[in-house]
Amino acid sequence: MRIAVYPGSFDPLHRGHLAIMEHLTADRDFDMAYLVISPQSPFKDPSKADSAERRYRDAVAAVALHPDLKVRVEDIELGMEAPHYTIRTLDALKCREPGNEFTLVMGADNLAGIRGWKEYVRILCEYGIAVYPRKPYDAAALRESLCREIPEARIEILDAGTVDISSTRIREAMAAGEDMSAWLMDGGSK
C-alpha cells in the first residue's frame, strides 16, 4: 500500500488538516494516510510533549467523526525516544510495515526549511515528499531548487486548495475568548 505519513502536533486538529487528509485519500493516489501525532518537534516549544497523549486521544476522536476518511491516527512517536526526527519515524514505520511505501506529507513552509532537517536527503530520495500549498511559499520554486541540488529527490506538489487557518491562530483566538469551533475538525465537540 502507498501510505501518506502526515506528522504534526495537531494542537488542535482543524478543518485545514481535514481538507488535506481528504485530498490525500480521496483525490490522490494514496491508499491510506497515517496522522502521526508528534510529542515534540525539534523545532518547536518543548511544552508540547506534555500534551501528546491528550492530542492523540483528541485526534482519534476527531477522525472517528469522519468514517469515510482512510486515515489512521498513529502514536508511533509517543513510544520513541526524543529527539523526534522525521527520518527515525519513517524508518520505524518501514521496519514495522516493510511491504508498504511511505511518503512524507508536509506544507510548503516546512519544505522551505527542509535543509535543516536530520537526514533530509534520505527523506527526499528514499521516501519522497508530497507538499501541500501554504501561503506565502512558492512550492514549485522550492521543489525546483531542491531537485537541482538533489536530482534523485522525489517531491510531488499536491493540487490541494489552501485553508487559511493554523492551529496557532486557533489557539490564540480561543485564548482571547473567540469561538473557533467552526474551524475545529471535531466541530468543537469537546
C-alpha atoms as a PDB file:
ATOM      1  CA  MET A   1       0.000   0.000   0.000  1.00  0.00           C
ATOM      2  CA  ARG A   2       1.038   3.568  -0.597  1.00  0.00           C
ATOM      3  CA  ILE A   3       0.807   5.430   2.713  1.00  0.00           C
ATOM      4  CA  ALA A   4       0.882   9.204   3.213  1.00  0.00           C
ATOM      5  CA  VAL A   5       2.647   9.976   6.501  1.00  0.00           C
ATOM      6  CA  TYR A   6       1.259  13.237   7.839  1.00  0.00           C
ATOM      7  CA  PRO A   7       3.052  14.192  11.078  1.00  0.00           C
ATOM      8  CA  GLY A   8       2.433  17.152  13.331  1.00  0.00           C
ATOM      9  CA  SER A   9       1.411  18.384  16.739  1.00  0.00           C
ATOM     10  CA  PHE A  10      -2.210  18.895  15.590  1.00  0.00           C
ATOM     11  CA  ASP A  11      -2.987  21.171  18.527  1.00  0.00           C
ATOM     12  CA  PRO A  12      -5.832  21.389  17.663  1.00  0.00           C
ATOM     13  CA  LEU A  13      -6.788  19.308  14.648  1.00  0.00           C
ATOM     14  CA  HIS A  14      -8.747  21.647  12.349  1.00  0.00           C
ATOM     15  CA  ARG A  15     -10.630  21.883   9.041  1.00  0.00           C
ATOM     16  CA  GLY A  16      -7.402  22.590   7.146  1.00  0.00           C
ATOM     17  CA  HIS A  17      -5.969  19.272   8.331  1.00  0.00           C
ATOM     18  CA  LEU A  18      -9.237  17.564   7.359  1.00  0.00           C
ATOM     19  CA  ALA A  19      -9.066  19.041   3.843  1.00  0.00           C
ATOM     20  CA  ILE A  20      -5.521  17.738   3.408  1.00  0.00           C
ATOM     21  CA  MET A  21      -6.452  14.246   4.655  1.00  0.00           C
ATOM     22  CA  GLU A  22      -9.477  14.161   2.343  1.00  0.00           C
ATOM     23  CA  HIS A  23      -7.310  15.223  -0.583  1.00  0.00           C
ATOM     24  CA  LEU A  24      -4.649  12.632   0.192  1.00  0.00           C
ATOM     25  CA  THR A  25      -7.024   9.696   0.425  1.00  0.00           C
ATOM     26  CA  ALA A  26      -9.940  10.588  -1.840  1.00  0.00           C
ATOM     27  CA  ASP A  27      -8.349  12.611  -4.599  1.00  0.00           C
ATOM     28  CA  ARG A  28      -4.802  11.251  -4.590  1.00  0.00           C
ATOM     29  CA  ASP A  29      -3.012   8.020  -5.237  1.00  0.00           C
ATOM     30  CA  PHE A  30      -2.640   7.063  -1.556  1.00  0.00           C
ATOM     31  CA  ASP A  31      -4.320   4.008  -0.120  1.00  0.00           C
ATOM     32  CA  MET A  32      -4.277   5.477   3.370  1.00  0.00           C
ATOM     33  CA  ALA A  33      -2.926   8.340   5.433  1.00  0.00           C
ATOM     34  CA  TYR A  34      -1.259   7.959   8.818  1.00  0.00           C
ATOM     35  CA  LEU A  35      -1.812  11.005  11.008  1.00  0.00           C
ATOM     36  CA  VAL A  36       1.291  10.834  13.219  1.00  0.00           C
ATOM     37  CA  ILE A  37       0.972  12.703  16.499  1.00  0.00           C
ATOM     38  CA  SER A  38       4.356  14.203  17.316  1.00  0.00           C
ATOM     39  CA  PRO A  39       5.096  14.568  21.009  1.00  0.00           C
ATOM     40  CA  GLN A  40       7.806  17.145  20.392  1.00  0.00           C
ATOM     41  CA  SER A  41       9.161  18.694  17.208  1.00  0.00           C
ATOM     42  CA  PRO A  42      12.864  19.562  17.463  1.00  0.00           C
ATOM     43  CA  PHE A  43      11.854  22.971  16.038  1.00  0.00           C
ATOM     44  CA  LYS A  44       9.002  23.803  18.427  1.00  0.00           C
ATOM     45  CA  ASP A  45       8.162  24.584  22.039  1.00  0.00           C
ATOM     46  CA  PRO A  46       9.113  21.704  24.396  1.00  0.00           C
ATOM     47  CA  SER A  47       5.873  22.135  26.377  1.00  0.00           C
ATOM     48  CA  LYS A  48       4.062  20.290  23.546  1.00  0.00           C
ATOM     49  CA  ALA A  49       5.471  16.996  24.850  1.00  0.00           C
ATOM     50  CA  ASP A  50       3.274  17.246  27.957  1.00  0.00           C
ATOM     51  CA  SER A  51       0.082  17.235  25.882  1.00  0.00           C
ATOM     52  CA  ALA A  52       0.981  14.409  23.489  1.00  0.00           C
ATOM     53  CA  GLU A  53      -1.395  11.801  24.931  1.00  0.00           C
ATOM     54  CA  ARG A  54      -4.282  14.301  25.013  1.00  0.00           C
ATOM     55  CA  ARG A  55      -3.593  15.373  21.420  1.00  0.00           C
ATOM     56  CA  TYR A  56      -3.504  11.709  20.376  1.00  0.00           C
ATOM     57  CA  ARG A  57      -6.876  10.976  22.051  1.00  0.00           C
ATOM     58  CA  ASP A  58      -8.387  14.159  20.586  1.00  0.00           C
ATOM     59  CA  ALA A  59      -7.181  13.186  17.093  1.00  0.00           C
ATOM     60  CA  VAL A  60      -8.617   9.670  17.408  1.00  0.00           C
ATOM     61  CA  ALA A  61     -11.976  11.147  18.441  1.00  0.00           C
ATOM     62  CA  ALA A  62     -11.953  13.760  15.652  1.00  0.00           C
ATOM     63  CA  VAL A  63     -11.039  11.239  12.930  1.00  0.00           C
ATOM     64  CA  ALA A  64     -13.757   8.864  14.204  1.00  0.00           C
ATOM     65  CA  LEU A  65     -16.317  11.562  13.340  1.00  0.00           C
ATOM     66  CA  HIS A  66     -15.277  11.142   9.669  1.00  0.00           C
ATOM     67  CA  PRO A  67     -15.645   7.399   8.979  1.00  0.00           C
ATOM     68  CA  ASP A  68     -15.249   7.962   5.242  1.00  0.00           C
ATOM     69  CA  LEU A  69     -11.622   9.009   5.739  1.00  0.00           C
ATOM     70  CA  LYS A  70      -8.966   6.423   5.049  1.00  0.00           C
ATOM     71  CA  VAL A  71      -6.909   7.744   7.948  1.00  0.00           C
ATOM     72  CA  ARG A  72      -5.303   6.038  10.916  1.00  0.00           C
ATOM     73  CA  VAL A  73      -4.129   8.116  13.863  1.00  0.00           C
ATOM     74  CA  GLU A  74      -0.647   6.893  14.753  1.00  0.00           C
ATOM     75  CA  ASP A  75       1.012   7.051  18.164  1.00  0.00           C
ATOM     76  CA  ILE A  76       4.317   5.539  16.981  1.00  0.00           C
ATOM     77  CA  GLU A  77       6.308   8.606  18.057  1.00  0.00           C
ATOM     78  CA  LEU A  78       4.811   8.574  21.551  1.00  0.00           C
ATOM     79  CA  GLY A  79       6.858   5.463  22.309  1.00  0.00           C
ATOM     80  CA  MET A  80      10.059   6.664  20.674  1.00  0.00           C
ATOM     81  CA  GLU A  81      12.950   8.359  22.428  1.00  0.00           C
ATOM     82  CA  ALA A  82      13.454  12.055  21.846  1.00  0.00           C
ATOM     83  CA  PRO A  83      14.503  13.814  19.742  1.00  0.00           C
ATOM     84  CA  HIS A  84      11.650  13.012  17.354  1.00  0.00           C
ATOM     85  CA  TYR A  85      13.309  13.266  13.977  1.00  0.00           C
ATOM     86  CA  THR A  86      11.067  12.513  10.996  1.00  0.00           C
ATOM     87  CA  ILE A  87      13.626  10.175   9.446  1.00  0.00           C
ATOM     88  CA  ARG A  88      13.505   7.981  12.570  1.00  0.00           C
ATOM     89  CA  THR A  89       9.701   7.828  12.358  1.00  0.00           C
ATOM     90  CA  LEU A  90       9.747   6.944   8.660  1.00  0.00           C
ATOM     91  CA  ASP A  91      12.396   4.258   9.256  1.00  0.00           C
ATOM     92  CA  ALA A  92      10.369   2.817  12.177  1.00  0.00           C
ATOM     93  CA  LEU A  93       7.235   2.648  10.019  1.00  0.00           C
ATOM     94  CA  LYS A  94       9.167   0.967   7.197  1.00  0.00           C
ATOM     95  CA  CYS A  95      10.640  -1.552   9.647  1.00  0.00           C
ATOM     96  CA  ARG A  96       7.200  -2.281  11.121  1.00  0.00           C
ATOM     97  CA  GLU A  97       5.492  -2.476   7.695  1.00  0.00           C
ATOM     98  CA  PRO A  98       8.125  -3.433   5.103  1.00  0.00           C
ATOM     99  CA  GLY A  99       5.532  -4.081   2.393  1.00  0.00           C
ATOM    100  CA  ASN A 100       4.220  -0.516   2.400  1.00  0.00           C
ATOM    101  CA  GLU A 101       5.576   2.529   0.569  1.00  0.00           C
ATOM    102  CA  PHE A 102       5.699   5.645   2.746  1.00  0.00           C
ATOM    103  CA  THR A 103       5.637   9.245   1.536  1.00  0.00           C
ATOM    104  CA  LEU A 104       6.044  12.191   3.896  1.00  0.00           C
ATOM    105  CA  VAL A 105       3.394  14.917   3.739  1.00  0.00           C
ATOM    106  CA  MET A 106       4.308  18.487   4.624  1.00  0.00           C
ATOM    107  CA  GLY A 107       3.384  22.065   3.925  1.00  0.00           C
ATOM    108  CA  ALA A 108       5.408  24.311   1.662  1.00  0.00           C
ATOM    109  CA  ASP A 109       6.517  26.199   4.785  1.00  0.00           C
ATOM    110  CA  ASN A 110       8.295  23.063   6.025  1.00  0.00           C
ATOM    111  CA  LEU A 111       9.720  22.350   2.586  1.00  0.00           C
ATOM    112  CA  ALA A 112      11.327  25.802   2.724  1.00  0.00           C
ATOM    113  CA  GLY A 113      13.263  24.700   5.818  1.00  0.00           C
ATOM    114  CA  ILE A 114      13.894  21.050   4.896  1.00  0.00           C
ATOM    115  CA  ARG A 115      17.657  21.558   4.625  1.00  0.00           C
ATOM    116  CA  GLY A 116      17.720  21.932   8.411  1.00  0.00           C
ATOM    117  CA  TRP A 117      16.105  18.523   8.958  1.00  0.00           C
ATOM    118  CA  LYS A 118      18.107  15.488  10.052  1.00  0.00           C
ATOM    119  CA  GLU A 119      18.986  13.326   7.024  1.00  0.00           C
ATOM    120  CA  TYR A 120      16.768  15.387   4.732  1.00  0.00           C
ATOM    121  CA  VAL A 121      18.450  13.963   1.621  1.00  0.00           C
ATOM    122  CA  ARG A 122      17.390  10.447   2.667  1.00  0.00           C
ATOM    123  CA  ILE A 123      13.847  11.687   3.271  1.00  0.00           C
ATOM    124  CA  LEU A 124      13.733  13.276  -0.190  1.00  0.00           C
ATOM    125  CA  CYS A 125      15.249  10.309  -2.019  1.00  0.00           C
ATOM    126  CA  GLU A 126      14.135   7.205  -0.110  1.00  0.00           C
ATOM    127  CA  TYR A 127      10.649   8.262   0.945  1.00  0.00           C
ATOM    128  CA  GLY A 128       9.719  11.308  -1.103  1.00  0.00           C
ATOM    129  CA  ILE A 129       7.531  14.205  -0.093  1.00  0.00           C
ATOM    130  CA  ALA A 130       4.013  15.280  -1.004  1.00  0.00           C
ATOM    131  CA  VAL A 131       3.762  19.043  -0.452  1.00  0.00           C
ATOM    132  CA  TYR A 132       0.576  20.997   0.125  1.00  0.00           C
ATOM    133  CA  PRO A 133       0.427  24.757  -0.529  1.00  0.00           C
ATOM    134  CA  ARG A 134       0.975  27.228   2.307  1.00  0.00           C
ATOM    135  CA  LYS A 135       0.942  30.977   1.880  1.00  0.00           C
ATOM    136  CA  PRO A 136       3.218  32.793   1.068  1.00  0.00           C
ATOM    137  CA  TYR A 137       5.539  29.965  -0.045  1.00  0.00           C
ATOM    138  CA  ASP A 138       6.087  29.027  -3.689  1.00  0.00           C
ATOM    139  CA  ALA A 139       6.122  25.222  -3.539  1.00  0.00           C
ATOM    140  CA  ALA A 140       7.071  24.835  -7.215  1.00  0.00           C
ATOM    141  CA  ALA A 141      10.119  27.104  -6.841  1.00  0.00           C
ATOM    142  CA  LEU A 142      11.180  25.278  -3.670  1.00  0.00           C
ATOM    143  CA  ARG A 143      10.817  21.939  -5.441  1.00  0.00           C
ATOM    144  CA  GLU A 144      12.839  23.151  -8.424  1.00  0.00           C
ATOM    145  CA  SER A 145      15.662  24.398  -6.196  1.00  0.00           C
ATOM    146  CA  LEU A 146      15.867  21.151  -4.229  1.00  0.00           C
ATOM    147  CA  CYS A 147      15.712  18.977  -7.365  1.00  0.00           C
ATOM    148  CA  ARG A 148      18.572  20.944  -8.923  1.00  0.00           C
ATOM    149  CA  GLU A 149      20.620  20.283  -5.797  1.00  0.00           C
ATOM    150  CA  ILE A 150      19.456  16.657  -5.379  1.00  0.00           C
ATOM    151  CA  PRO A 151      18.354  15.221  -8.754  1.00  0.00           C
ATOM    152  CA  GLU A 152      17.105  11.983  -7.096  1.00  0.00           C
ATOM    153  CA  ALA A 153      14.711  13.923  -4.841  1.00  0.00           C
ATOM    154  CA  ARG A 154      11.070  12.903  -5.122  1.00  0.00           C
ATOM    155  CA  ILE A 155       8.882  15.927  -4.428  1.00  0.00           C
ATOM    156  CA  GLU A 156       5.256  15.987  -5.508  1.00  0.00           C
ATOM    157  CA  ILE A 157       3.253  19.201  -5.269  1.00  0.00           C
ATOM    158  CA  LEU A 158      -0.323  18.448  -4.246  1.00  0.00           C
ATOM    159  CA  ASP A 159      -3.006  20.228  -6.198  1.00  0.00           C
ATOM    160  CA  ALA A 160      -4.861  20.962  -2.992  1.00  0.00           C
ATOM    161  CA  GLY A 161      -6.551  24.180  -2.104  1.00  0.00           C
ATOM    162  CA  THR A 162      -5.306  26.192   0.835  1.00  0.00           C
ATOM    163  CA  VAL A 163      -7.231  26.680   4.023  1.00  0.00           C
ATOM    164  CA  ASP A 164      -6.044  29.905   5.573  1.00  0.00           C
ATOM    165  CA  ILE A 165      -6.039  28.824   9.227  1.00  0.00           C
ATOM    166  CA  SER A 166      -3.435  27.394  11.562  1.00  0.00           C
ATOM    167  CA  SER A 167      -3.510  25.642  14.907  1.00  0.00           C
ATOM    168  CA  THR A 168      -1.537  28.552  16.345  1.00  0.00           C
ATOM    169  CA  ARG A 169      -4.156  31.048  15.145  1.00  0.00           C
ATOM    170  CA  ILE A 170      -6.955  28.909  16.592  1.00  0.00           C
ATOM    171  CA  ARG A 171      -5.211  28.593  19.992  1.00  0.00           C
ATOM    172  CA  GLU A 172      -4.554  32.336  20.117  1.00  0.00           C
ATOM    173  CA  ALA A 173      -8.155  33.187  19.204  1.00  0.00           C
ATOM    174  CA  MET A 174      -9.551  30.751  21.762  1.00  0.00           C
ATOM    175  CA  ALA A 175      -7.269  32.217  24.447  1.00  0.00           C
ATOM    176  CA  ALA A 176      -8.741  35.622  23.562  1.00  0.00           C
ATOM    177  CA  GLY A 177     -12.245  34.254  24.047  1.00  0.00           C
ATOM    178  CA  GLU A 178     -13.201  33.858  20.380  1.00  0.00           C
ATOM    179  CA  ASP A 179     -15.412  30.957  19.318  1.00  0.00           C
ATOM    180  CA  MET A 180     -13.339  28.912  16.872  1.00  0.00           C
ATOM    181  CA  SER A 181     -15.493  25.766  16.952  1.00  0.00           C
ATOM    182  CA  ALA A 182     -16.409  26.135  13.267  1.00  0.00           C
ATOM    183  CA  TRP A 183     -12.718  25.660  12.414  1.00  0.00           C
ATOM    184  CA  LEU A 184     -12.184  22.555  14.557  1.00  0.00           C
ATOM    185  CA  MET A 185     -12.265  19.175  12.880  1.00  0.00           C
ATOM    186  CA  ASP A 186     -14.459  17.818  15.651  1.00  0.00           C
ATOM    187  CA  GLY A 187     -16.769  20.822  15.422  1.00  0.00           C
ATOM    188  CA  GLY A 188     -15.836  21.855  18.943  1.00  0.00           C
ATOM    189  CA  SER A 189     -17.473  18.792  20.488  1.00  0.00           C
ATOM    190  CA  LYS A 190     -15.071  18.657  23.433  1.00  0.00           C
END
